[in-house]
Amino acid sequence: MTAYQHRVRYHEADAQGFLFNARYLELADVAMTEFFRGIGWPYADLVAGGTDPSVVSATLTFSRPARFDDLLDITARCTRVGTSSFGLDVLVARGADTIATIGLVYVNVDAVSATSRPLPDSLAKALRSTIADL
């Protein structure tokens, strides 16, 4: 499981002073990048190695609001690895309080043909090795 911290900035809050709902997918995108960095695959290496992960499904569940200036802990963990896809669960928390959970499914795509392609074996193996952390 890989974590990073994010402080809610003024421009990310809505008129109610809450972190705007669309921003959670931005947090999840950073969580994915940090997750890969944490398992030894910086994003540039992913792309160079034949991986271009694209979100095909996102499920967000909000438990309580985050507000301007809150310091959030965001963690990501791999839940599943397929031939060309993988799943990540992202937890957004403020201290012991769960703010939101985000379930993501990514498919490895060939950007030129816009079709899926298998994950490189070395990456699939690295992803599978993290699932034991559950």
C-alpha atoms as a PDB file:
ATOM      1  CA  MET A   1       0.000   0.000   0.000  1.00  0.00           C
ATOM      2  CA  THR A   2       1.410   3.375  -1.013  1.00  0.00           C
ATOM      3  CA  ALA A   3       0.406   6.668   0.628  1.00  0.00           C
ATOM      4  CA  TYR A   4       0.809  10.370   0.082  1.00  0.00           C
ATOM      5  CA  GLN A   5      -0.615  13.463   1.744  1.00  0.00           C
ATOM      6  CA  HIS A   6      -2.657  16.225   0.184  1.00  0.00           C
ATOM      7  CA  ARG A   7      -3.746  19.501   1.761  1.00  0.00           C
ATOM      8  CA  VAL A   8      -7.075  20.739   0.392  1.00  0.00           C
ATOM      9  CA  ARG A   9      -6.399  24.033  -1.334  1.00  0.00           C
ATOM     10  CA  TYR A  10      -8.786  26.972  -1.590  1.00  0.00           C
ATOM     11  CA  HIS A  11      -9.453  26.536  -5.313  1.00  0.00           C
ATOM     12  CA  GLU A  12     -10.411  22.869  -4.761  1.00  0.00           C
ATOM     13  CA  ALA A  13     -13.291  23.743  -2.426  1.00  0.00           C
ATOM     14  CA  ASP A  14     -16.849  24.371  -3.561  1.00  0.00           C
ATOM     15  CA  ALA A  15     -19.238  27.082  -2.316  1.00  0.00           C
ATOM     16  CA  GLN A  16     -19.954  24.971   0.793  1.00  0.00           C
ATOM     17  CA  GLY A  17     -16.250  24.921   1.646  1.00  0.00           C
ATOM     18  CA  PHE A  18     -16.008  21.174   0.895  1.00  0.00           C
ATOM     19  CA  LEU A  19     -13.506  19.494  -1.395  1.00  0.00           C
ATOM     20  CA  PHE A  20     -15.414  19.478  -4.704  1.00  0.00           C
ATOM     21  CA  ASN A  21     -16.507  15.959  -5.675  1.00  0.00           C
ATOM     22  CA  ALA A  22     -14.757  15.930  -9.060  1.00  0.00           C
ATOM     23  CA  ARG A  23     -11.416  16.580  -7.344  1.00  0.00           C
ATOM     24  CA  TYR A  24     -11.466  13.106  -5.797  1.00  0.00           C
ATOM     25  CA  LEU A  25     -10.646  11.574  -9.177  1.00  0.00           C
ATOM     26  CA  GLU A  26      -7.649  13.900  -9.386  1.00  0.00           C
ATOM     27  CA  LEU A  27      -6.501  12.629  -5.986  1.00  0.00           C
ATOM     28  CA  ALA A  28      -7.006   9.057  -7.200  1.00  0.00           C
ATOM     29  CA  ASP A  29      -4.929   9.746 -10.308  1.00  0.00           C
ATOM     30  CA  VAL A  30      -2.042  11.004  -8.192  1.00  0.00           C
ATOM     31  CA  ALA A  31      -2.508   7.976  -5.905  1.00  0.00           C
ATOM     32  CA  MET A  32      -2.112   5.666  -8.916  1.00  0.00           C
ATOM     33  CA  THR A  33       1.084   7.431  -9.965  1.00  0.00           C
ATOM     34  CA  GLU A  34       2.485   7.283  -6.415  1.00  0.00           C
ATOM     35  CA  PHE A  35       1.447   3.640  -6.076  1.00  0.00           C
ATOM     36  CA  PHE A  36       3.499   2.726  -9.141  1.00  0.00           C
ATOM     37  CA  ARG A  37       6.442   4.829  -7.957  1.00  0.00           C
ATOM     38  CA  GLY A  38       6.245   2.988  -4.628  1.00  0.00           C
ATOM     39  CA  ILE A  39       6.550  -0.422  -6.286  1.00  0.00           C
ATOM     40  CA  GLY A  40       9.522   0.680  -8.382  1.00  0.00           C
ATOM     41  CA  TRP A  41       7.719   1.760 -11.552  1.00  0.00           C
ATOM     42  CA  PRO A  42       7.856   5.560 -11.968  1.00  0.00           C
ATOM     43  CA  TYR A  43       5.274   6.639 -14.542  1.00  0.00           C
ATOM     44  CA  ALA A  44       7.834   7.367 -17.254  1.00  0.00           C
ATOM     45  CA  ASP A  45       9.122   3.780 -16.876  1.00  0.00           C
ATOM     46  CA  LEU A  46       5.568   2.437 -17.184  1.00  0.00           C
ATOM     47  CA  VAL A  47       5.057   4.158 -20.504  1.00  0.00           C
ATOM     48  CA  ALA A  48       8.523   3.238 -21.769  1.00  0.00           C
ATOM     49  CA  GLY A  49       7.850  -0.386 -20.781  1.00  0.00           C
ATOM     50  CA  GLY A  50       4.604  -0.636 -22.733  1.00  0.00           C
ATOM     51  CA  THR A  51       2.032   0.341 -20.132  1.00  0.00           C
ATOM     52  CA  ASP A  52      -0.483   3.123 -20.595  1.00  0.00           C
ATOM     53  CA  PRO A  53      -3.176   2.625 -17.941  1.00  0.00           C
ATOM     54  CA  SER A  54      -6.582   4.123 -18.726  1.00  0.00           C
ATOM     55  CA  VAL A  55      -9.483   4.238 -16.295  1.00  0.00           C
ATOM     56  CA  VAL A  56     -12.487   2.281 -17.544  1.00  0.00           C
ATOM     57  CA  SER A  57     -14.470   2.248 -14.304  1.00  0.00           C
ATOM     58  CA  ALA A  58     -14.558   4.420 -11.194  1.00  0.00           C
ATOM     59  CA  THR A  59     -16.782   4.009  -8.160  1.00  0.00           C
ATOM     60  CA  LEU A  60     -16.722   6.709  -5.496  1.00  0.00           C
ATOM     61  CA  THR A  61     -18.263   6.445  -2.066  1.00  0.00           C
ATOM     62  CA  PHE A  62     -18.276   9.554   0.108  1.00  0.00           C
ATOM     63  CA  SER A  63     -18.407   9.067   3.878  1.00  0.00           C
ATOM     64  CA  ARG A  64     -17.913  12.631   5.119  1.00  0.00           C
ATOM     65  CA  PRO A  65     -16.721  15.901   3.597  1.00  0.00           C
ATOM     66  CA  ALA A  66     -13.171  17.138   3.430  1.00  0.00           C
ATOM     67  CA  ARG A  67     -12.802  20.872   3.870  1.00  0.00           C
ATOM     68  CA  PHE A  68     -10.425  23.605   2.796  1.00  0.00           C
ATOM     69  CA  ASP A  69      -7.041  23.223   4.531  1.00  0.00           C
ATOM     70  CA  ASP A  70      -7.687  19.625   5.694  1.00  0.00           C
ATOM     71  CA  LEU A  71      -4.636  17.386   5.470  1.00  0.00           C
ATOM     72  CA  LEU A  72      -5.660  14.135   3.805  1.00  0.00           C
ATOM     73  CA  ASP A  73      -3.889  10.791   3.712  1.00  0.00           C
ATOM     74  CA  ILE A  74      -4.444   8.992   0.423  1.00  0.00           C
ATOM     75  CA  THR A  75      -3.522   5.333   0.066  1.00  0.00           C
ATOM     76  CA  ALA A  76      -3.780   3.017  -2.909  1.00  0.00           C
ATOM     77  CA  ARG A  77      -3.622  -0.745  -3.075  1.00  0.00           C
ATOM     78  CA  CYS A  78      -3.910  -3.204  -5.916  1.00  0.00           C
ATOM     79  CA  THR A  79      -6.925  -5.496  -5.660  1.00  0.00           C
ATOM     80  CA  ARG A  80      -6.772  -7.484  -8.882  1.00  0.00           C
ATOM     81  CA  VAL A  81      -4.521  -8.145 -11.868  1.00  0.00           C
ATOM     82  CA  GLY A  82      -5.834  -9.524 -15.149  1.00  0.00           C
ATOM     83  CA  THR A  83      -4.299 -10.009 -18.554  1.00  0.00           C
ATOM     84  CA  SER A  84      -4.633  -6.385 -19.634  1.00  0.00           C
ATOM     85  CA  SER A  85      -6.286  -4.774 -16.626  1.00  0.00           C
ATOM     86  CA  PHE A  86      -5.846  -4.195 -12.917  1.00  0.00           C
ATOM     87  CA  GLY A  87      -7.853  -2.751 -10.049  1.00  0.00           C
ATOM     88  CA  LEU A  88      -6.858  -0.217  -7.431  1.00  0.00           C
ATOM     89  CA  ASP A  89      -8.710   0.811  -4.296  1.00  0.00           C
ATOM     90  CA  VAL A  90      -7.967   4.312  -3.059  1.00  0.00           C
ATOM     91  CA  LEU A  91      -8.750   5.421   0.481  1.00  0.00           C
ATOM     92  CA  VAL A  92      -8.985   9.117   1.334  1.00  0.00           C
ATOM     93  CA  ALA A  93      -8.775   9.722   5.081  1.00  0.00           C
ATOM     94  CA  ARG A  94      -8.355  12.546   7.563  1.00  0.00           C
ATOM     95  CA  GLY A  95      -6.702  11.004  10.588  1.00  0.00           C
ATOM     96  CA  ALA A  96      -8.817   8.008  11.596  1.00  0.00           C
ATOM     97  CA  ASP A  97     -11.854   9.246   9.619  1.00  0.00           C
ATOM     98  CA  THR A  98     -12.598   7.800   6.200  1.00  0.00           C
ATOM     99  CA  ILE A  99     -13.542  10.609   3.840  1.00  0.00           C
ATOM    100  CA  ALA A 100     -14.023   8.580   0.654  1.00  0.00           C
ATOM    101  CA  THR A 101     -13.219   5.293  -1.027  1.00  0.00           C
ATOM    102  CA  ILE A 102     -12.566   5.033  -4.736  1.00  0.00           C
ATOM    103  CA  GLY A 103     -12.550   1.786  -6.674  1.00  0.00           C
ATOM    104  CA  LEU A 104     -10.795   1.990 -10.036  1.00  0.00           C
ATOM    105  CA  VAL A 105     -10.334  -0.411 -12.914  1.00  0.00           C
ATOM    106  CA  TYR A 106      -7.586   0.346 -15.415  1.00  0.00           C
ATOM    107  CA  VAL A 107      -6.951  -1.210 -18.809  1.00  0.00           C
ATOM    108  CA  ASN A 108      -3.552  -1.097 -20.466  1.00  0.00           C
ATOM    109  CA  VAL A 109      -4.062   0.556 -23.860  1.00  0.00           C
ATOM    110  CA  ASP A 110      -2.143   1.070 -27.029  1.00  0.00           C
ATOM    111  CA  ALA A 111      -2.591   4.825 -27.466  1.00  0.00           C
ATOM    112  CA  VAL A 112      -2.221   4.686 -31.257  1.00  0.00           C
ATOM    113  CA  SER A 113      -4.863   2.027 -31.917  1.00  0.00           C
ATOM    114  CA  ALA A 114      -6.945   2.852 -28.802  1.00  0.00           C
ATOM    115  CA  THR A 115      -7.234  -0.857 -28.009  1.00  0.00           C
ATOM    116  CA  SER A 116      -6.290  -2.881 -24.964  1.00  0.00           C
ATOM    117  CA  ARG A 117      -3.066  -4.805 -24.822  1.00  0.00           C
ATOM    118  CA  PRO A 118      -1.626  -7.198 -22.250  1.00  0.00           C
ATOM    119  CA  LEU A 119       0.255  -5.842 -19.278  1.00  0.00           C
ATOM    120  CA  PRO A 120       3.989  -6.498 -19.544  1.00  0.00           C
ATOM    121  CA  ASP A 121       4.834  -9.656 -17.575  1.00  0.00           C
ATOM    122  CA  SER A 122       7.268  -7.870 -15.258  1.00  0.00           C
ATOM    123  CA  LEU A 123       4.665  -5.265 -14.335  1.00  0.00           C
ATOM    124  CA  ALA A 124       1.910  -7.837 -13.830  1.00  0.00           C
ATOM    125  CA  LYS A 125       4.244  -9.754 -11.527  1.00  0.00           C
ATOM    126  CA  ALA A 126       5.067  -6.589  -9.551  1.00  0.00           C
ATOM    127  CA  LEU A 127       1.355  -5.794  -9.192  1.00  0.00           C
ATOM    128  CA  ARG A 128       0.514  -9.333  -8.085  1.00  0.00           C
ATOM    129  CA  SER A 129       3.251  -9.207  -5.453  1.00  0.00           C
ATOM    130  CA  THR A 130       1.503  -6.258  -3.770  1.00  0.00           C
ATOM    131  CA  ILE A 131      -1.829  -8.045  -3.422  1.00  0.00           C
ATOM    132  CA  ALA A 132      -0.387 -10.163  -0.589  1.00  0.00           C
ATOM    133  CA  ASP A 133      -0.249  -6.907   1.411  1.00  0.00           C
ATOM    134  CA  LEU A 134      -4.021  -6.972   1.740  1.00  0.00           C
END
